């Protein structure tokens, strides 16, 4: 999120984390599931805000529970991610 001045200069910037959106494209989809799986299997580590987005249940860890919640959200059997 960026707040601009009247002359369109960036005044302030704030990060926005969308739970489940691990690649930062604004959507929760199979690409996010793949990135979360790779993190869990230790083949590609997530860091910073991407790691926070992968923690869909907010317990401070990224594991199979988070992956399952994201899957359920994509399938429409879970109304929201946190």
PDB file of N, CA and C in Angstrom:
ATOM      1  N   UNK A   1       0.851  -1.164   0.000  1.00  0.00           N
ATOM      2  CA  UNK A   1       0.000   0.000   0.000  1.00  0.00           C
ATOM      3  C   UNK A   1       0.897   1.227   0.000  1.00  0.00           C
ATOM      4  N   UNK A   2       0.625   2.166  -0.881  1.00  0.00           N
ATOM      5  CA  UNK A   2       1.397   3.400  -0.942  1.00  0.00           C
ATOM      6  C   UNK A   2       0.480   4.597  -0.784  1.00  0.00           C
ATOM      7  N   UNK A   3       0.930   5.565   0.003  1.00  0.00           N
ATOM      8  CA  UNK A   3       0.219   6.825   0.153  1.00  0.00           C
ATOM      9  C   UNK A   3       1.033   7.868  -0.610  1.00  0.00           C
ATOM     10  N   UNK A   4       0.354   8.563  -1.515  1.00  0.00           N
ATOM     11  CA  UNK A   4       1.025   9.548  -2.369  1.00  0.00           C
ATOM     12  C   UNK A   4       0.692  10.973  -1.938  1.00  0.00           C
ATOM     13  N   UNK A   5       1.620  11.877  -2.202  1.00  0.00           N
ATOM     14  CA  UNK A   5       1.373  13.298  -1.989  1.00  0.00           C
ATOM     15  C   UNK A   5       0.563  13.831  -3.162  1.00  0.00           C
ATOM     16  N   UNK A   6       0.144  15.083  -3.085  1.00  0.00           N
ATOM     17  CA  UNK A   6      -0.649  15.665  -4.168  1.00  0.00           C
ATOM     18  C   UNK A   6       0.133  15.755  -5.472  1.00  0.00           C
ATOM     19  N   UNK A   7       1.463  15.794  -5.393  1.00  0.00           N
ATOM     20  CA  UNK A   7       2.271  15.822  -6.619  1.00  0.00           C
ATOM     21  C   UNK A   7       2.723  14.416  -7.036  1.00  0.00           C
ATOM     22  N   UNK A   8       2.013  13.406  -6.531  1.00  0.00           N
ATOM     23  CA  UNK A   8       2.179  11.994  -6.896  1.00  0.00           C
ATOM     24  C   UNK A   8       3.508  11.371  -6.472  1.00  0.00           C
ATOM     25  N   UNK A   9       4.141  11.920  -5.460  1.00  0.00           N
ATOM     26  CA  UNK A   9       5.335  11.294  -4.895  1.00  0.00           C
ATOM     27  C   UNK A   9       4.890  10.365  -3.768  1.00  0.00           C
ATOM     28  N   UNK A  10       5.619   9.271  -3.584  1.00  0.00           N
ATOM     29  CA  UNK A  10       5.286   8.323  -2.524  1.00  0.00           C
ATOM     30  C   UNK A  10       5.640   8.944  -1.180  1.00  0.00           C
ATOM     31  N   UNK A  11       4.635   9.092  -0.339  1.00  0.00           N
ATOM     32  CA  UNK A  11       4.828   9.653   0.999  1.00  0.00           C
ATOM     33  C   UNK A  11       5.158   8.552   1.999  1.00  0.00           C
ATOM     34  N   UNK A  12       4.388   7.487   1.989  1.00  0.00           N
ATOM     35  CA  UNK A  12       4.576   6.344   2.883  1.00  0.00           C
ATOM     36  C   UNK A  12       4.226   5.067   2.153  1.00  0.00           C
ATOM     37  N   UNK A  13       4.911   3.979   2.514  1.00  0.00           N
ATOM     38  CA  UNK A  13       4.606   2.650   1.981  1.00  0.00           C
ATOM     39  C   UNK A  13       4.400   1.687   3.140  1.00  0.00           C
ATOM     40  N   UNK A  14       3.407   0.827   3.001  1.00  0.00           N
ATOM     41  CA  UNK A  14       3.110  -0.175   4.014  1.00  0.00           C
ATOM     42  C   UNK A  14       2.925  -1.524   3.338  1.00  0.00           C
ATOM     43  N   UNK A  15       3.549  -2.567   3.883  1.00  0.00           N
ATOM     44  CA  UNK A  15       3.338  -3.895   3.298  1.00  0.00           C
ATOM     45  C   UNK A  15       1.950  -4.425   3.649  1.00  0.00           C
ATOM     46  N   UNK A  16       1.343  -5.124   2.708  1.00  0.00           N
ATOM     47  CA  UNK A  16       0.049  -5.767   2.927  1.00  0.00           C
ATOM     48  C   UNK A  16       0.236  -7.246   2.625  1.00  0.00           C
ATOM     49  N   UNK A  17      -0.074  -8.084   3.601  1.00  0.00           N
ATOM     50  CA  UNK A  17       0.064  -9.527   3.424  1.00  0.00           C
ATOM     51  C   UNK A  17      -1.316 -10.141   3.260  1.00  0.00           C
ATOM     52  N   UNK A  18      -1.518 -10.837   2.164  1.00  0.00           N
ATOM     53  CA  UNK A  18      -2.763 -11.567   1.932  1.00  0.00           C
ATOM     54  C   UNK A  18      -2.470 -13.030   2.256  1.00  0.00           C
ATOM     55  N   UNK A  19      -3.104 -13.533   3.305  1.00  0.00           N
ATOM     56  CA  UNK A  19      -2.863 -14.925   3.715  1.00  0.00           C
ATOM     57  C   UNK A  19      -3.106 -15.868   2.551  1.00  0.00           C
ATOM     58  N   UNK A  20      -2.139 -16.751   2.302  1.00  0.00           N
ATOM     59  CA  UNK A  20      -2.257 -17.732   1.234  1.00  0.00           C
ATOM     60  C   UNK A  20      -1.653 -17.279  -0.073  1.00  0.00           C
ATOM     61  N   UNK A  21      -1.489 -15.966  -0.262  1.00  0.00           N
ATOM     62  CA  UNK A  21      -0.910 -15.430  -1.498  1.00  0.00           C
ATOM     63  C   UNK A  21       0.606 -15.391  -1.365  1.00  0.00           C
ATOM     64  N   UNK A  22       1.228 -16.532  -1.559  1.00  0.00           N
ATOM     65  CA  UNK A  22       2.648 -16.713  -1.283  1.00  0.00           C
ATOM     66  C   UNK A  22       3.549 -16.083  -2.343  1.00  0.00           C
ATOM     67  N   UNK A  23       3.031 -15.863  -3.540  1.00  0.00           N
ATOM     68  CA  UNK A  23       3.875 -15.248  -4.574  1.00  0.00           C
ATOM     69  C   UNK A  23       3.582 -13.760  -4.755  1.00  0.00           C
ATOM     70  N   UNK A  24       2.643 -13.212  -4.009  1.00  0.00           N
ATOM     71  CA  UNK A  24       2.396 -11.784  -4.015  1.00  0.00           C
ATOM     72  C   UNK A  24       1.660 -11.233  -5.222  1.00  0.00           C
ATOM     73  N   UNK A  25       0.935 -12.076  -5.954  1.00  0.00           N
ATOM     74  CA  UNK A  25       0.228 -11.598  -7.143  1.00  0.00           C
ATOM     75  C   UNK A  25      -1.213 -11.164  -6.860  1.00  0.00           C
ATOM     76  N   UNK A  26      -1.627 -11.219  -5.586  1.00  0.00           N
ATOM     77  CA  UNK A  26      -2.978 -10.789  -5.223  1.00  0.00           C
ATOM     78  C   UNK A  26      -4.034 -11.870  -5.289  1.00  0.00           C
ATOM     79  N   UNK A  27      -3.640 -13.097  -5.656  1.00  0.00           N
ATOM     80  CA  UNK A  27      -4.580 -14.218  -5.766  1.00  0.00           C
ATOM     81  C   UNK A  27      -4.034 -15.410  -4.983  1.00  0.00           C
ATOM     82  N   UNK A  28      -4.927 -16.240  -4.499  1.00  0.00           N
ATOM     83  CA  UNK A  28      -4.531 -17.502  -3.862  1.00  0.00           C
ATOM     84  C   UNK A  28      -4.897 -18.600  -4.841  1.00  0.00           C
ATOM     85  N   UNK A  29      -3.878 -19.281  -5.373  1.00  0.00           N
ATOM     86  CA  UNK A  29      -4.125 -20.311  -6.380  1.00  0.00           C
ATOM     87  C   UNK A  29      -3.064 -21.412  -6.294  1.00  0.00           C
ATOM     88  N   UNK A  30      -3.044 -22.290  -7.286  1.00  0.00           N
ATOM     89  CA  UNK A  30      -2.146 -23.450  -7.258  1.00  0.00           C
ATOM     90  C   UNK A  30      -0.678 -23.048  -7.251  1.00  0.00           C
ATOM     91  N   UNK A  31      -0.340 -21.905  -7.805  1.00  0.00           N
ATOM     92  CA  UNK A  31       1.053 -21.442  -7.758  1.00  0.00           C
ATOM     93  C   UNK A  31       1.494 -21.208  -6.314  1.00  0.00           C
ATOM     94  N   UNK A  32       0.607 -20.681  -5.505  1.00  0.00           N
ATOM     95  CA  UNK A  32       0.905 -20.458  -4.093  1.00  0.00           C
ATOM     96  C   UNK A  32       1.049 -21.782  -3.348  1.00  0.00           C
ATOM     97  N   UNK A  33       0.186 -22.742  -3.693  1.00  0.00           N
ATOM     98  CA  UNK A  33       0.301 -24.070  -3.081  1.00  0.00           C
ATOM     99  C   UNK A  33       1.648 -24.693  -3.391  1.00  0.00           C
ATOM    100  N   UNK A  34       2.076 -24.573  -4.637  1.00  0.00           N
ATOM    101  CA  UNK A  34       3.359 -25.140  -5.058  1.00  0.00           C
ATOM    102  C   UNK A  34       4.517 -24.515  -4.283  1.00  0.00           C
ATOM    103  N   UNK A  35       4.497 -23.212  -4.114  1.00  0.00           N
ATOM    104  CA  UNK A  35       5.567 -22.540  -3.376  1.00  0.00           C
ATOM    105  C   UNK A  35       5.574 -22.955  -1.900  1.00  0.00           C
ATOM    106  N   UNK A  36       4.379 -23.102  -1.340  1.00  0.00           N
ATOM    107  CA  UNK A  36       4.285 -23.547   0.051  1.00  0.00           C
ATOM    108  C   UNK A  36       4.806 -24.975   0.195  1.00  0.00           C
ATOM    109  N   UNK A  37       4.443 -25.844  -0.735  1.00  0.00           N
ATOM    110  CA  UNK A  37       4.935 -27.228  -0.707  1.00  0.00           C
ATOM    111  C   UNK A  37       6.460 -27.256  -0.775  1.00  0.00           C
ATOM    112  N   UNK A  38       7.025 -26.474  -1.671  1.00  0.00           N
ATOM    113  CA  UNK A  38       8.483 -26.443  -1.825  1.00  0.00           C
ATOM    114  C   UNK A  38       9.157 -25.949  -0.549  1.00  0.00           C
ATOM    115  N   UNK A  39       8.521 -25.008   0.139  1.00  0.00           N
ATOM    116  CA  UNK A  39       9.069 -24.534   1.414  1.00  0.00           C
ATOM    117  C   UNK A  39       9.025 -25.648   2.465  1.00  0.00           C
ATOM    118  N   UNK A  40       7.889 -26.322   2.556  1.00  0.00           N
ATOM    119  CA  UNK A  40       7.740 -27.403   3.538  1.00  0.00           C
ATOM    120  C   UNK A  40       8.750 -28.516   3.275  1.00  0.00           C
ATOM    121  N   UNK A  41       8.989 -28.826   2.001  1.00  0.00           N
ATOM    122  CA  UNK A  41       9.946 -29.878   1.638  1.00  0.00           C
ATOM    123  C   UNK A  41      11.393 -29.391   1.652  1.00  0.00           C
ATOM    124  N   UNK A  42      11.607 -28.132   2.003  1.00  0.00           N
ATOM    125  CA  UNK A  42      12.935 -27.515   2.102  1.00  0.00           C
ATOM    126  C   UNK A  42      13.674 -27.465   0.775  1.00  0.00           C
ATOM    127  N   UNK A  43      12.937 -27.372  -0.331  1.00  0.00           N
ATOM    128  CA  UNK A  43      13.599 -27.240  -1.628  1.00  0.00           C
ATOM    129  C   UNK A  43      13.659 -25.781  -2.089  1.00  0.00           C
ATOM    130  N   UNK A  44      12.870 -24.914  -1.479  1.00  0.00           N
ATOM    131  CA  UNK A  44      12.913 -23.473  -1.782  1.00  0.00           C
ATOM    132  C   UNK A  44      12.325 -22.723  -0.588  1.00  0.00           C
ATOM    133  N   UNK A  45      13.163 -22.066   0.173  1.00  0.00           N
ATOM    134  CA  UNK A  45      12.727 -21.396   1.395  1.00  0.00           C
ATOM    135  C   UNK A  45      11.980 -20.100   1.096  1.00  0.00           C
ATOM    136  N   UNK A  46      10.914 -19.882   1.841  1.00  0.00           N
ATOM    137  CA  UNK A  46      10.184 -18.620   1.803  1.00  0.00           C
ATOM    138  C   UNK A  46      10.741 -17.714   2.892  1.00  0.00           C
ATOM    139  N   UNK A  47      10.751 -16.411   2.624  1.00  0.00           N
ATOM    140  CA  UNK A  47      11.255 -15.459   3.608  1.00  0.00           C
ATOM    141  C   UNK A  47      10.337 -14.252   3.699  1.00  0.00           C
ATOM    142  N   UNK A  48      10.469 -13.515   4.778  1.00  0.00           N
ATOM    143  CA  UNK A  48       9.788 -12.238   4.948  1.00  0.00           C
ATOM    144  C   UNK A  48       8.275 -12.342   4.825  1.00  0.00           C
ATOM    145  N   UNK A  49       7.716 -11.419   4.042  1.00  0.00           N
ATOM    146  CA  UNK A  49       6.269 -11.350   3.893  1.00  0.00           C
ATOM    147  C   UNK A  49       5.699 -12.579   3.195  1.00  0.00           C
ATOM    148  N   UNK A  50       6.477 -13.208   2.331  1.00  0.00           N
ATOM    149  CA  UNK A  50       6.018 -14.419   1.645  1.00  0.00           C
ATOM    150  C   UNK A  50       5.857 -15.566   2.645  1.00  0.00           C
ATOM    151  N   UNK A  51       6.762 -15.642   3.605  1.00  0.00           N
ATOM    152  CA  UNK A  51       6.659 -16.643   4.659  1.00  0.00           C
ATOM    153  C   UNK A  51       5.431 -16.362   5.528  1.00  0.00           C
ATOM    154  N   UNK A  52       5.196 -15.096   5.844  1.00  0.00           N
ATOM    155  CA  UNK A  52       4.011 -14.726   6.627  1.00  0.00           C
ATOM    156  C   UNK A  52       2.726 -15.099   5.891  1.00  0.00           C
ATOM    157  N   UNK A  53       2.700 -14.905   4.588  1.00  0.00           N
ATOM    158  CA  UNK A  53       1.517 -15.230   3.794  1.00  0.00           C
ATOM    159  C   UNK A  53       1.248 -16.726   3.786  1.00  0.00           C
ATOM    160  N   UNK A  54       2.297 -17.532   3.834  1.00  0.00           N
ATOM    161  CA  UNK A  54       2.143 -18.990   3.814  1.00  0.00           C
ATOM    162  C   UNK A  54       1.582 -19.534   5.129  1.00  0.00           C
ATOM    163  N   UNK A  55       1.734 -18.785   6.213  1.00  0.00           N
ATOM    164  CA  UNK A  55       1.245 -19.206   7.529  1.00  0.00           C
ATOM    165  C   UNK A  55      -0.245 -18.887   7.638  1.00  0.00           C
ATOM    166  N   UNK A  56      -1.071 -19.701   7.004  1.00  0.00           N
ATOM    167  CA  UNK A  56      -2.500 -19.393   6.879  1.00  0.00           C
ATOM    168  C   UNK A  56      -3.283 -19.518   8.179  1.00  0.00           C
ATOM    169  N   UNK A  57      -2.765 -20.245   9.158  1.00  0.00           N
ATOM    170  CA  UNK A  57      -3.490 -20.349  10.421  1.00  0.00           C
ATOM    171  C   UNK A  57      -2.893 -19.465  11.516  1.00  0.00           C
ATOM    172  N   UNK A  58      -1.823 -18.741  11.209  1.00  0.00           N
ATOM    173  CA  UNK A  58      -1.272 -17.762  12.130  1.00  0.00           C
ATOM    174  C   UNK A  58      -0.579 -18.314  13.357  1.00  0.00           C
ATOM    175  N   UNK A  59      -0.088 -19.548  13.281  1.00  0.00           N
ATOM    176  CA  UNK A  59       0.568 -20.139  14.453  1.00  0.00           C
ATOM    177  C   UNK A  59       2.083 -19.940  14.459  1.00  0.00           C
ATOM    178  N   UNK A  60       2.606 -19.196  13.483  1.00  0.00           N
ATOM    179  CA  UNK A  60       4.044 -18.921  13.444  1.00  0.00           C
ATOM    180  C   UNK A  60       4.870 -19.974  12.746  1.00  0.00           C
ATOM    181  N   UNK A  61       4.219 -21.015  12.218  1.00  0.00           N
ATOM    182  CA  UNK A  61       4.912 -22.083  11.504  1.00  0.00           C
ATOM    183  C   UNK A  61       4.237 -22.280  10.150  1.00  0.00           C
ATOM    184  N   UNK A  62       5.004 -22.760   9.184  1.00  0.00           N
ATOM    185  CA  UNK A  62       4.434 -23.122   7.885  1.00  0.00           C
ATOM    186  C   UNK A  62       4.586 -24.627   7.738  1.00  0.00           C
ATOM    187  N   UNK A  63       3.451 -25.309   7.709  1.00  0.00           N
ATOM    188  CA  UNK A  63       3.479 -26.769   7.623  1.00  0.00           C
ATOM    189  C   UNK A  63       2.267 -27.265   6.831  1.00  0.00           C
ATOM    190  N   UNK A  64       2.030 -28.567   6.891  1.00  0.00           N
ATOM    191  CA  UNK A  64       0.956 -29.167   6.099  1.00  0.00           C
ATOM    192  C   UNK A  64      -0.427 -28.627   6.470  1.00  0.00           C
ATOM    193  N   UNK A  65      -0.605 -28.162   7.697  1.00  0.00           N
ATOM    194  CA  UNK A  65      -1.891 -27.574   8.081  1.00  0.00           C
ATOM    195  C   UNK A  65      -2.176 -26.310   7.270  1.00  0.00           C
ATOM    196  N   UNK A  66      -1.146 -25.503   7.074  1.00  0.00           N
ATOM    197  CA  UNK A  66      -1.299 -24.281   6.282  1.00  0.00           C
ATOM    198  C   UNK A  66      -1.591 -24.613   4.823  1.00  0.00           C
ATOM    199  N   UNK A  67      -0.898 -25.609   4.320  1.00  0.00           N
ATOM    200  CA  UNK A  67      -1.109 -26.034   2.940  1.00  0.00           C
ATOM    201  C   UNK A  67      -2.542 -26.530   2.748  1.00  0.00           C
ATOM    202  N   UNK A  68      -3.011 -27.318   3.667  1.00  0.00           N
ATOM    203  CA  UNK A  68      -4.376 -27.859   3.592  1.00  0.00           C
ATOM    204  C   UNK A  68      -5.423 -26.747   3.663  1.00  0.00           C
ATOM    205  N   UNK A  69      -5.210 -25.764   4.522  1.00  0.00           N
ATOM    206  CA  UNK A  69      -6.149 -24.639   4.621  1.00  0.00           C
ATOM    207  C   UNK A  69      -6.207 -23.875   3.304  1.00  0.00           C
ATOM    208  N   UNK A  70      -5.058 -23.645   2.687  1.00  0.00           N
ATOM    209  CA  UNK A  70      -5.021 -22.943   1.401  1.00  0.00           C
ATOM    210  C   UNK A  70      -5.736 -23.765   0.327  1.00  0.00           C
ATOM    211  N   UNK A  71      -5.537 -25.078   0.335  1.00  0.00           N
ATOM    212  CA  UNK A  71      -6.231 -25.953  -0.619  1.00  0.00           C
ATOM    213  C   UNK A  71      -7.738 -25.846  -0.443  1.00  0.00           C
ATOM    214  N   UNK A  72      -8.190 -25.916   0.798  1.00  0.00           N
ATOM    215  CA  UNK A  72      -9.625 -25.822   1.089  1.00  0.00           C
ATOM    216  C   UNK A  72     -10.185 -24.476   0.658  1.00  0.00           C
ATOM    217  N   UNK A  73      -9.409 -23.408   0.858  1.00  0.00           N
ATOM    218  CA  UNK A  73      -9.852 -22.073   0.440  1.00  0.00           C
ATOM    219  C   UNK A  73     -10.025 -22.012  -1.083  1.00  0.00           C
ATOM    220  N   UNK A  74      -9.064 -22.546  -1.803  1.00  0.00           N
ATOM    221  CA  UNK A  74      -9.132 -22.555  -3.268  1.00  0.00           C
ATOM    222  C   UNK A  74     -10.339 -23.368  -3.741  1.00  0.00           C
ATOM    223  N   UNK A  75     -10.591 -24.489  -3.091  1.00  0.00           N
ATOM    224  CA  UNK A  75     -11.717 -25.343  -3.467  1.00  0.00           C
ATOM    225  C   UNK A  75     -13.072 -24.802  -3.015  1.00  0.00           C
ATOM    226  N   UNK A  76     -13.056 -23.772  -2.178  1.00  0.00           N
ATOM    227  CA  UNK A  76     -14.311 -23.168  -1.715  1.00  0.00           C
ATOM    228  C   UNK A  76     -14.919 -23.820  -0.510  1.00  0.00           C
ATOM    229  N   UNK A  77     -14.183 -24.703   0.166  1.00  0.00           N
ATOM    230  CA  UNK A  77     -14.718 -25.345   1.361  1.00  0.00           C
ATOM    231  C   UNK A  77     -14.268 -24.649   2.648  1.00  0.00           C
ATOM    232  N   UNK A  78     -13.496 -23.578   2.513  1.00  0.00           N
ATOM    233  CA  UNK A  78     -13.082 -22.739   3.638  1.00  0.00           C
ATOM    234  C   UNK A  78     -13.338 -21.291   3.226  1.00  0.00           C
ATOM    235  N   UNK A  79     -14.106 -20.574   4.050  1.00  0.00           N
ATOM    236  CA  UNK A  79     -14.533 -19.225   3.670  1.00  0.00           C
ATOM    237  C   UNK A  79     -13.425 -18.187   3.675  1.00  0.00           C
ATOM    238  N   UNK A  80     -12.487 -18.275   4.611  1.00  0.00           N
ATOM    239  CA  UNK A  80     -11.429 -17.266   4.675  1.00  0.00           C
ATOM    240  C   UNK A  80     -10.157 -17.874   5.242  1.00  0.00           C
ATOM    241  N   UNK A  81      -9.063 -17.207   4.980  1.00  0.00           N
ATOM    242  CA  UNK A  81      -7.774 -17.617   5.534  1.00  0.00           C
ATOM    243  C   UNK A  81      -7.398 -16.612   6.621  1.00  0.00           C
ATOM    244  N   UNK A  82      -7.723 -16.952   7.856  1.00  0.00           N
ATOM    245  CA  UNK A  82      -7.437 -16.181   9.053  1.00  0.00           C
ATOM    246  C   UNK A  82      -8.175 -14.922   9.193  1.00  0.00           C
TER     247      UNK A  82
END
